[in-house]
C-alpha atoms as a PDB file:
ATOM      1  CA  MET A   1     -31.591  11.609  20.004  1.00  0.00           C
ATOM      2  CA  PRO A   2     -29.344   8.771  18.749  1.00  0.00           C
ATOM      3  CA  SER A   3     -25.598   8.761  19.303  1.00  0.00           C
ATOM      4  CA  LEU A   4     -23.189   9.582  16.519  1.00  0.00           C
ATOM      5  CA  VAL A   5     -22.602   5.830  16.240  1.00  0.00           C
ATOM      6  CA  SER A   6     -26.240   4.892  15.744  1.00  0.00           C
ATOM      7  CA  GLU A   7     -27.396   8.011  13.892  1.00  0.00           C
ATOM      8  CA  TYR A   8     -27.111   5.967  10.712  1.00  0.00           C
ATOM      9  CA  PRO A   9     -28.507   2.491  11.311  1.00  0.00           C
ATOM     10  CA  ALA A  10     -26.289  -0.527  10.795  1.00  0.00           C
ATOM     11  CA  ALA A  11     -26.775  -2.506   7.610  1.00  0.00           C
ATOM     12  CA  GLN A  12     -28.932  -5.582   7.609  1.00  0.00           C
ATOM     13  CA  PRO A  13     -26.905  -8.761   8.310  1.00  0.00           C
ATOM     14  CA  SER A  14     -27.214  -9.950   4.695  1.00  0.00           C
ATOM     15  CA  GLU A  15     -25.860  -6.623   3.407  1.00  0.00           C
ATOM     16  CA  ALA A  16     -23.089  -6.591   6.009  1.00  0.00           C
ATOM     17  CA  LEU A  17     -22.082 -10.140   5.064  1.00  0.00           C
ATOM     18  CA  LEU A  18     -21.753  -9.134   1.416  1.00  0.00           C
ATOM     19  CA  HIS A  19     -19.819  -5.962   2.265  1.00  0.00           C
ATOM     20  CA  PHE A  20     -17.306  -7.549   4.630  1.00  0.00           C
ATOM     21  CA  SER A  21     -16.868 -10.658   2.509  1.00  0.00           C
ATOM     22  CA  ARG A  22     -16.059  -8.481  -0.481  1.00  0.00           C
ATOM     23  CA  ARG A  23     -13.498  -6.528   1.508  1.00  0.00           C
ATOM     24  CA  LEU A  24     -11.736  -9.784   2.400  1.00  0.00           C
ATOM     25  CA  ALA A  25     -11.547 -10.613  -1.310  1.00  0.00           C
ATOM     26  CA  PHE A  26      -9.528  -7.428  -1.838  1.00  0.00           C
ATOM     27  CA  GLU A  27      -7.371  -7.193   1.264  1.00  0.00           C
ATOM     28  CA  THR A  28      -5.468  -9.035   3.943  1.00  0.00           C
ATOM     29  CA  ASP A  29      -3.681  -7.668   6.963  1.00  0.00           C
ATOM     30  CA  CYS A  30      -0.151  -7.639   8.297  1.00  0.00           C
ATOM     31  CA  SER A  31      -0.895 -10.181  10.992  1.00  0.00           C
ATOM     32  CA  ASP A  32      -2.267 -12.727   8.492  1.00  0.00           C
ATOM     33  CA  VAL A  33       0.758 -12.270   6.233  1.00  0.00           C
ATOM     34  CA  GLN A  34       3.138 -12.670   9.171  1.00  0.00           C
ATOM     35  CA  ARG A  35       1.289 -15.770  10.420  1.00  0.00           C
ATOM     36  CA  SER A  36       1.342 -17.374   6.977  1.00  0.00           C
ATOM     37  CA  GLN A  37       5.079 -16.726   6.754  1.00  0.00           C
ATOM     38  CA  GLN A  38       5.680 -18.228  10.190  1.00  0.00           C
ATOM     39  CA  SER A  39       3.693 -21.368   9.313  1.00  0.00           C
ATOM     40  CA  GLY A  40       5.297 -21.680   5.875  1.00  0.00           C
ATOM     41  CA  ASP A  41       1.875 -21.471   4.250  1.00  0.00           C
ATOM     42  CA  VAL A  42       2.810 -18.885   1.626  1.00  0.00           C
ATOM     43  CA  ASP A  43       0.693 -19.325  -1.500  1.00  0.00           C
ATOM     44  CA  TYR A  44       1.205 -15.804  -2.820  1.00  0.00           C
ATOM     45  CA  VAL A  45       3.974 -13.467  -3.885  1.00  0.00           C
ATOM     46  CA  LEU A  46       4.498 -10.609  -1.426  1.00  0.00           C
ATOM     47  CA  VAL A  47       5.431  -7.447  -3.296  1.00  0.00           C
ATOM     48  CA  ASP A  48       6.638  -4.114  -1.986  1.00  0.00           C
ATOM     49  CA  VAL A  49       5.615  -1.604  -4.663  1.00  0.00           C
ATOM     50  CA  ARG A  50       7.645   1.315  -3.295  1.00  0.00           C
ATOM     51  CA  GLY A  51      10.720   2.651  -5.003  1.00  0.00           C
ATOM     52  CA  SER A  52      13.919   0.630  -4.714  1.00  0.00           C
ATOM     53  CA  ASP A  53      15.561   3.134  -2.340  1.00  0.00           C
ATOM     54  CA  ALA A  54      12.646   2.921   0.096  1.00  0.00           C
ATOM     55  CA  PHE A  55      12.667  -0.891  -0.206  1.00  0.00           C
ATOM     56  CA  ALA A  56      16.377  -0.994   0.627  1.00  0.00           C
ATOM     57  CA  LEU A  57      15.839   1.080   3.774  1.00  0.00           C
ATOM     58  CA  GLY A  58      13.387  -1.451   5.160  1.00  0.00           C
ATOM     59  CA  HIS A  59      10.861  -3.962   3.877  1.00  0.00           C
ATOM     60  CA  VAL A  60       8.701  -6.827   5.057  1.00  0.00           C
ATOM     61  CA  PRO A  61      10.575 -10.145   5.257  1.00  0.00           C
ATOM     62  CA  GLY A  62       9.879 -12.338   2.246  1.00  0.00           C
ATOM     63  CA  ALA A  63       8.883  -9.419   0.037  1.00  0.00           C
ATOM     64  CA  ILE A  64      10.288  -8.735  -3.381  1.00  0.00           C
ATOM     65  CA  ASN A  65      10.465  -5.249  -4.836  1.00  0.00           C
ATOM     66  CA  ILE A  66       8.542  -4.395  -7.956  1.00  0.00           C
ATOM     67  CA  PRO A  67       8.024  -0.634  -7.967  1.00  0.00           C
ATOM     68  CA  THR A  68       4.618   0.369  -9.310  1.00  0.00           C
ATOM     69  CA  ARG A  69       6.106   2.147 -12.313  1.00  0.00           C
ATOM     70  CA  THR A  70       7.843  -1.065 -13.390  1.00  0.00           C
ATOM     71  CA  ILE A  71       4.755  -3.292 -13.372  1.00  0.00           C
ATOM     72  CA  THR A  72       4.470  -4.062 -17.068  1.00  0.00           C
ATOM     73  CA  ALA A  73       3.516  -7.108 -19.118  1.00  0.00           C
ATOM     74  CA  THR A  74       7.190  -7.699 -19.879  1.00  0.00           C
ATOM     75  CA  ARG A  75       8.269  -7.469 -16.215  1.00  0.00           C
ATOM     76  CA  MET A  76       5.449  -9.719 -15.005  1.00  0.00           C
ATOM     77  CA  ALA A  77       5.714 -12.337 -17.773  1.00  0.00           C
ATOM     78  CA  GLU A  78       7.683 -14.689 -15.509  1.00  0.00           C
ATOM     79  CA  TYR A  79       4.604 -15.207 -13.301  1.00  0.00           C
ATOM     80  CA  PRO A  80       1.709 -17.487 -14.263  1.00  0.00           C
ATOM     81  CA  ARG A  81      -1.630 -15.648 -14.516  1.00  0.00           C
ATOM     82  CA  GLN A  82      -3.028 -17.462 -11.471  1.00  0.00           C
ATOM     83  CA  THR A  83      -0.261 -16.094  -9.213  1.00  0.00           C
ATOM     84  CA  LEU A  84      -1.789 -14.242  -6.274  1.00  0.00           C
ATOM     85  CA  PHE A  85       0.073 -11.034  -5.512  1.00  0.00           C
ATOM     86  CA  VAL A  86      -0.177  -9.506  -2.046  1.00  0.00           C
ATOM     87  CA  ILE A  87       1.034  -5.958  -2.412  1.00  0.00           C
ATOM     88  CA  TYR A  88       1.875  -3.168  -0.025  1.00  0.00           C
ATOM     89  CA  CYS A  89       3.281   0.337  -0.025  1.00  0.00           C
ATOM     90  CA  ALA A  90       4.252   2.747   2.749  1.00  0.00           C
ATOM     91  CA  GLY A  91       0.925   2.778   4.561  1.00  0.00           C
ATOM     92  CA  PRO A  92      -2.608   4.114   4.644  1.00  0.00           C
ATOM     93  CA  HIS A  93      -1.403   7.602   3.731  1.00  0.00           C
ATOM     94  CA  CYS A  94      -0.268   6.415   0.287  1.00  0.00           C
ATOM     95  CA  ASN A  95      -2.291   5.245  -2.706  1.00  0.00           C
ATOM     96  CA  GLY A  96       0.654   3.689  -4.523  1.00  0.00           C
ATOM     97  CA  VAL A  97      -0.672   0.258  -3.614  1.00  0.00           C
ATOM     98  CA  HIS A  98      -3.908   1.054  -5.453  1.00  0.00           C
ATOM     99  CA  ARG A  99      -2.066   2.175  -8.574  1.00  0.00           C
ATOM    100  CA  ALA A 100      -0.054  -1.054  -8.451  1.00  0.00           C
ATOM    101  CA  ALA A 101      -3.221  -3.110  -7.988  1.00  0.00           C
ATOM    102  CA  VAL A 102      -4.767  -1.508 -11.057  1.00  0.00           C
ATOM    103  CA  ARG A 103      -1.697  -2.368 -13.126  1.00  0.00           C
ATOM    104  CA  LEU A 104      -1.649  -5.983 -11.942  1.00  0.00           C
ATOM    105  CA  VAL A 105      -5.374  -6.490 -12.464  1.00  0.00           C
ATOM    106  CA  GLU A 106      -5.157  -4.961 -15.942  1.00  0.00           C
ATOM    107  CA  LEU A 107      -2.522  -7.616 -16.697  1.00  0.00           C
ATOM    108  CA  GLY A 108      -4.924 -10.318 -15.488  1.00  0.00           C
ATOM    109  CA  TYR A 109      -3.387 -11.167 -12.095  1.00  0.00           C
ATOM    110  CA  PRO A 110      -5.302 -11.666  -8.847  1.00  0.00           C
ATOM    111  CA  VAL A 111      -4.229  -9.197  -6.190  1.00  0.00           C
ATOM    112  CA  LYS A 112      -4.835  -8.356  -2.550  1.00  0.00           C
ATOM    113  CA  GLU A 113      -3.668  -5.326  -0.621  1.00  0.00           C
ATOM    114  CA  MET A 114      -1.849  -5.853   2.663  1.00  0.00           C
ATOM    115  CA  ILE A 115      -3.640  -3.088   4.516  1.00  0.00           C
ATOM    116  CA  GLY A 116      -1.428  -0.836   6.594  1.00  0.00           C
ATOM    117  CA  GLY A 117       1.646  -1.427   4.446  1.00  0.00           C
ATOM    118  CA  VAL A 118       5.046  -0.922   6.057  1.00  0.00           C
ATOM    119  CA  THR A 119       3.495   1.392   8.649  1.00  0.00           C
ATOM    120  CA  GLY A 120       1.018  -1.292   9.684  1.00  0.00           C
ATOM    121  CA  TRP A 121       3.735  -3.943   9.771  1.00  0.00           C
ATOM    122  CA  VAL A 122       5.869  -1.851  12.137  1.00  0.00           C
ATOM    123  CA  ASP A 123       2.807  -0.877  14.211  1.00  0.00           C
ATOM    124  CA  GLU A 124       2.108  -4.589  14.749  1.00  0.00           C
ATOM    125  CA  GLY A 125       5.607  -4.902  16.230  1.00  0.00           C
ATOM    126  CA  PHE A 126       7.002  -6.959  13.347  1.00  0.00           C
ATOM    127  CA  SER A 127      10.587  -6.435  12.189  1.00  0.00           C
ATOM    128  CA  LEU A 128      11.658  -5.166   8.819  1.00  0.00           C
ATOM    129  CA  ILE A 129      14.617  -6.379   6.800  1.00  0.00           C
ATOM    130  CA  GLY A 130      17.344  -3.797   6.246  1.00  0.00           C
ATOM    131  CA  ALA A 131      16.101  -1.181   8.666  1.00  0.00           C
ATOM    132  CA  ASP A 132      16.078   0.037  12.206  1.00  0.00           C
ATOM    133  CA  VAL A 133      12.431  -0.322  13.202  1.00  0.00           C
ATOM    134  CA  ALA A 134      12.655   2.625  15.575  1.00  0.00           C
ATOM    135  CA  GLY A 135      13.912   4.763  12.716  1.00  0.00           C
ATOM    136  CA  GLN A 136      11.012   3.663  10.551  1.00  0.00           C
ATOM    137  CA  ARG A 137       8.542   5.071  13.078  1.00  0.00           C
ATOM    138  CA  ASN A 138       9.864   8.524  12.256  1.00  0.00           C
ATOM    139  CA  GLY A 139       8.409   8.259   8.777  1.00  0.00           C
ATOM    140  CA  VAL A 140       8.068   5.522   6.202  1.00  0.00           C
ATOM    141  CA  SER A 141       9.058   6.606   2.744  1.00  0.00           C
ATOM    142  CA  CYS A 142       6.942   5.703  -0.215  1.00  0.00           C
ATOM    143  CA  ALA A 143       8.936   6.834  -3.240  1.00  0.00           C
ATOM    144  CA  CYS A 144       6.451   5.086  -5.487  1.00  0.00           C
END
């Protein structure tokens, strides 16, 4: 009898390549964002899509705050259509980042999710701006 891991066979390499490559087209991770910031190789706009109160309590360095509900054609008009937005919310327990991604894509902007959000950032040991990291571990607010 196969293990729970191998009960369903792994995909063929060609299928796996397509699957994982597609995922990378939609997401990045906290470590890659932090590394790009450290090297000064920032070719995207990092956006925290949580509510302004949550943003003020603690956010990723270099991020701007555009709450999901405020992503409109008028609000985003200052950005050229080719601007890549890397967006995040509270963490994997919140789908606010997906709602924000839908709004941005509907407006014609390329977008990637920073998987893990604020929770992932803190879990990686990275500091937030405007917050006590230890306090953030007690619960990251979404307010999106």
